[in-house]
C-alpha cells in the first residue's frame, strides 16, 4: 500500500517534532530516545564535540550541560565564589535586581549557529556567542536539551539524583553512554560525599544551641547538636 508513515507520498517536508515523539497508528505516541553522553571532565566534552564535527552526525541537534562555573557570563555572579546562590537570588529578584542575560536566553537558543543545520559546537562556542548576544549560555543549554538528539554532560549530571532533578533529566528509555566508565566508582563516591570545616561545625552548633535554649523542636535539635559537638 501507499507509504503513510513519512512525507514521501505527499512530497511535503516532514514536520519537525521538538518533543522527540511521533504518533503511531493507534494514536499512542512513540518516544524517540535521546543519547546522553557522560564524561569525567568538561575538557573531555570539548574533545568529543570536536570529534563529532568530523562525523556524518555533525549537524544533529545537540547541547552541552555544564555548571555555572563554565557558562555564567554575568559580570558580578561569574566572579563570585557562590555563583549558584547569587544566580538564584537574581532570578527571584530578592534585592530588586534581575539578570538581563537570563531574559535574553531566547536570542541564544534561536541563533542560527546553534541550530541543527550548523556544525557541532562546544562550551567555548556557546559562551562566546552568549557574550556577543548578552544572553545566558547556562540556561540556553538547558533549553536546547528539549529538542536535542545528543546531550553531553559530566558524569555527575547522570549519576547524582539531585542534579538530575534540578536539570530536568529523565533517563527512562533513553540511551546513556559513559566515556571511560572505569572512573564511575570515584564519581559515585564523590556525589554522596560532603566536606565540612570546623568553623562550619561551630557555627552550626551555635545555631542549634539557640534552638534548644529557646525550646524550638528540642527533640530534633538536641541530637544534631550532640553530633556537632562530637565532631568538633
Protein backbone atom coordinates (compact mmCIF):
# COMPACT_ATOMS: atom_id res chain seq x y z
CA UNK A 1 0.00 0.00 0.00
CA UNK A 2 1.00 3.68 -0.11
CA UNK A 3 3.55 4.98 2.36
CA UNK A 4 1.73 6.76 5.19
CA UNK A 5 4.46 6.94 7.81
CA UNK A 6 6.59 9.61 6.14
CA UNK A 7 6.26 12.57 3.78
CA UNK A 8 7.49 10.87 0.61
CA UNK A 9 3.97 10.02 -0.62
CA UNK A 10 2.77 13.63 -0.44
CA UNK A 11 6.04 15.27 -1.43
CA UNK A 12 5.87 17.52 1.59
CA UNK A 13 8.59 18.03 4.12
CA UNK A 14 8.07 16.12 7.35
CA UNK A 15 7.08 18.20 10.34
CA UNK A 16 9.77 18.53 12.95
CA UNK A 17 8.62 17.48 16.41
CA UNK A 18 10.79 19.13 19.10
CA UNK A 19 9.41 16.82 21.78
CA UNK A 20 11.03 13.80 20.09
CA UNK A 21 7.78 11.91 19.70
CA UNK A 22 5.75 10.67 16.75
CA UNK A 23 2.23 9.29 16.50
CA UNK A 24 1.64 5.62 15.90
CA UNK A 25 -1.38 4.28 14.05
CA UNK A 26 -3.34 3.60 17.24
CA UNK A 27 -2.94 7.17 18.44
CA UNK A 28 -0.29 6.45 21.06
CA UNK A 29 2.96 8.37 21.00
CA UNK A 30 6.24 6.59 20.47
CA UNK A 31 9.20 8.15 22.26
CA UNK A 32 12.40 8.63 20.29
CA UNK A 33 15.26 8.32 22.80
CA UNK A 34 17.96 10.89 23.35
CA UNK A 35 21.63 9.95 23.69
CA UNK A 36 23.13 11.15 26.98
CA UNK A 37 26.91 11.10 26.67
CA UNK A 38 28.62 11.42 30.07
CA UNK A 39 32.29 12.31 30.52
CA UNK A 40 34.59 12.71 33.50
CA UNK A 41 35.55 16.36 32.90
CA UNK A 42 34.32 19.38 30.97
CA UNK A 43 37.56 19.35 28.97
CA UNK A 44 36.71 15.93 27.60
CA UNK A 45 33.37 17.25 26.35
CA UNK A 46 35.28 19.75 24.21
CA UNK A 47 37.36 16.92 22.75
CA UNK A 48 34.29 14.80 22.00
CA UNK A 49 32.37 17.67 20.37
CA UNK A 50 35.42 18.26 18.18
CA UNK A 51 35.30 14.61 17.11
CA UNK A 52 31.57 14.89 16.46
CA UNK A 53 32.27 17.64 13.92
CA UNK A 54 34.28 15.13 11.89
CA UNK A 55 31.44 12.61 11.58
CA UNK A 56 28.32 12.38 9.43
CA UNK A 57 26.30 13.34 12.53
CA UNK A 58 27.86 16.76 12.94
CA UNK A 59 24.57 18.55 12.24
CA UNK A 60 22.27 16.64 14.60
CA UNK A 61 20.55 18.70 17.34
CA UNK A 62 22.80 18.72 20.42
CA UNK A 63 23.51 20.53 23.64
CA UNK A 64 26.12 20.56 26.39
CA UNK A 65 25.10 20.74 30.04
CA UNK A 66 27.68 22.29 32.33
CA UNK A 67 27.89 24.23 35.56
CA UNK A 68 27.66 27.98 36.02
CA UNK A 69 31.41 27.91 36.69
CA UNK A 70 31.91 27.41 32.95
CA UNK A 71 28.90 29.16 31.45
CA UNK A 72 27.89 32.13 33.63
CA UNK A 73 28.72 35.44 31.92
CA UNK A 74 27.12 37.84 34.42
CA UNK A 75 29.94 40.28 35.37
CA UNK A 76 29.23 40.04 39.12
CA UNK A 77 27.97 36.48 39.52
CA UNK A 78 30.72 34.92 37.37
CA UNK A 79 33.40 36.40 39.65
CA UNK A 80 31.68 35.23 42.84
CA UNK A 81 32.60 32.16 44.88
CA UNK A 82 28.91 31.25 45.32
CA UNK A 83 27.63 31.58 41.75
CA UNK A 84 24.67 29.24 42.23
CA UNK A 85 23.24 31.16 45.17
CA UNK A 86 23.74 34.56 43.58
CA UNK A 87 22.17 33.38 40.33
CA UNK A 88 19.07 32.11 42.15
CA UNK A 89 18.77 35.38 44.08
CA UNK A 90 18.87 37.37 40.85
CA UNK A 91 16.25 35.17 39.20
CA UNK A 92 13.98 35.54 42.23
CA UNK A 93 14.56 39.29 42.32
CA UNK A 94 15.27 39.22 46.06
CA UNK A 95 17.11 42.55 46.09
CA UNK A 96 15.05 44.26 43.43
CA UNK A 97 17.51 43.25 40.70
CA UNK A 98 17.20 40.74 37.91
CA UNK A 99 19.52 39.12 35.36
CA UNK A 100 19.28 40.69 31.90
CA UNK A 101 21.31 37.79 30.47
CA UNK A 102 18.64 35.30 31.59
CA UNK A 103 15.92 37.29 29.86
CA UNK A 104 17.91 37.11 26.61
CA UNK A 105 18.10 33.31 26.55
CA UNK A 106 15.72 33.06 23.57
CA UNK A 107 18.16 35.06 21.42
CA UNK A 108 20.83 32.45 22.02
CA UNK A 109 18.57 29.40 21.68
CA UNK A 110 17.20 30.62 18.35
CA UNK A 111 20.56 31.71 16.91
CA UNK A 112 21.43 30.00 13.63
CA UNK A 113 24.87 28.91 14.92
CA UNK A 114 23.20 26.52 17.39
CA UNK A 115 20.62 25.10 15.02
CA UNK A 116 20.89 21.56 13.57
CA UNK A 117 21.95 22.91 10.15
CA UNK A 118 25.15 24.14 11.76
CA UNK A 119 28.10 22.06 12.87
CA UNK A 120 28.58 20.66 16.36
CA UNK A 121 29.71 23.25 18.90
CA UNK A 122 31.45 23.21 22.28
CA UNK A 123 31.18 25.15 25.54
CA UNK A 124 33.57 27.87 24.41
CA UNK A 125 31.49 28.48 21.28
CA UNK A 126 28.33 28.75 23.39
CA UNK A 127 29.88 31.15 25.90
CA UNK A 128 31.44 33.30 23.19
CA UNK A 129 28.12 33.59 21.38
CA UNK A 130 26.35 34.30 24.66
CA UNK A 131 28.70 37.21 25.40
CA UNK A 132 28.09 38.62 21.93
CA UNK A 133 24.29 38.38 22.27
CA UNK A 134 24.27 39.22 26.00
CA UNK A 135 22.32 36.01 26.63
CA UNK A 136 22.84 33.35 29.31
CA UNK A 137 24.67 30.23 27.99
CA UNK A 138 23.80 28.19 31.10
CA UNK A 139 20.03 28.37 30.66
CA UNK A 140 20.27 28.33 26.86
CA UNK A 141 21.97 24.91 27.02
CA UNK A 142 19.13 23.64 29.21
CA UNK A 143 16.52 24.98 26.80
CA UNK A 144 18.27 23.28 23.88
CA UNK A 145 18.04 19.92 25.68
CA UNK A 146 14.33 19.71 24.82
CA UNK A 147 14.97 19.23 21.10
CA UNK A 148 18.46 17.69 21.28
CA UNK A 149 19.29 14.22 19.95
CA UNK A 150 22.63 14.18 21.81
CA UNK A 151 23.21 15.66 25.27
CA UNK A 152 26.79 15.92 26.50
CA UNK A 153 27.40 16.36 30.24
CA UNK A 154 29.75 15.38 33.09
CA UNK A 155 29.16 12.05 34.88
CA UNK A 156 27.54 13.57 37.95
CA UNK A 157 24.70 15.06 35.89
CA UNK A 158 23.61 11.48 35.19
CA UNK A 159 24.60 9.79 38.46
CA UNK A 160 23.53 12.33 41.08
CA UNK A 161 19.73 12.22 41.58
CA UNK A 162 19.62 15.77 42.92
CA UNK A 163 21.39 17.16 39.85
CA UNK A 164 19.20 15.08 37.54
CA UNK A 165 16.12 16.51 39.22
CA UNK A 166 17.34 20.12 39.13
CA UNK A 167 18.31 19.81 35.46
CA UNK A 168 15.06 18.02 34.50
CA UNK A 169 16.95 14.99 33.20
CA UNK A 170 14.83 11.86 32.79
CA UNK A 171 16.89 8.81 31.80
CA UNK A 172 13.97 6.40 31.44
CA UNK A 173 14.02 4.77 27.98
CA UNK A 174 17.00 6.92 26.96
CA UNK A 175 20.43 5.87 25.69
CA UNK A 176 23.25 6.50 28.17
CA UNK A 177 26.92 6.35 27.16
CA UNK A 178 29.62 6.74 29.81
CA UNK A 179 33.06 7.58 28.46
CA UNK A 180 35.93 5.95 30.41
CA UNK A 181 33.41 4.26 32.69
CA UNK A 182 36.11 2.88 35.00
CA UNK A 183 36.02 6.33 36.66
CA UNK A 184 32.37 5.89 37.68
CA UNK A 185 33.19 4.45 41.10
CA UNK A 186 35.12 7.55 42.19
CA UNK A 187 32.46 9.85 40.74
CA UNK A 188 29.66 7.98 42.52
CA UNK A 189 31.57 8.19 45.82
CA UNK A 190 32.07 11.94 45.39
CA UNK A 191 28.39 12.53 44.60
CA UNK A 192 27.34 11.15 48.01
CA UNK A 193 30.23 12.68 49.96
CA UNK A 194 30.30 16.04 51.69
CA UNK A 195 33.09 18.14 53.12
CA UNK A 196 32.62 20.33 56.18
CA UNK A 197 35.04 22.60 58.04
CA UNK A 198 35.45 23.06 61.78
CA UNK A 199 34.23 26.67 61.55
CA UNK A 200 31.05 25.46 59.84
CA UNK A 201 30.50 22.91 62.61
CA UNK A 202 30.98 25.55 65.30
CA UNK A 203 28.54 27.90 63.55
CA UNK A 204 26.01 25.08 63.29
CA UNK A 205 26.44 24.27 66.99
CA UNK A 206 25.78 27.91 67.92
CA UNK A 207 22.56 27.93 65.88
CA UNK A 208 21.47 24.63 67.44
CA UNK A 209 22.26 25.99 70.91
CA UNK A 210 19.90 28.88 70.19
CA UNK A 211 17.17 26.50 69.03
CA UNK A 212 17.48 24.28 72.10
CA UNK A 213 17.66 27.17 74.57
CA UNK A 214 14.50 28.68 73.05
CA UNK A 215 12.66 25.36 73.19
CA UNK A 216 12.31 25.15 69.40
CA UNK A 217 11.83 21.48 68.38
CA UNK A 218 14.25 20.35 71.08
CA UNK A 219 13.89 16.62 70.41
CA UNK A 220 15.16 17.18 66.86
CA UNK A 221 17.85 19.76 67.55
CA UNK A 222 19.49 18.24 70.64
CA UNK A 223 20.73 15.09 68.81
CA UNK A 224 22.07 17.29 65.99
CA UNK A 225 23.89 19.47 68.48
CA UNK A 226 25.42 16.36 70.04
CA UNK A 227 26.70 15.25 66.64
CA UNK A 228 28.27 18.65 66.00
CA UNK A 229 29.92 18.61 69.43
CA UNK A 230 31.31 15.13 68.95
CA UNK A 231 32.75 16.01 65.54
CA UNK A 232 34.32 19.22 66.87
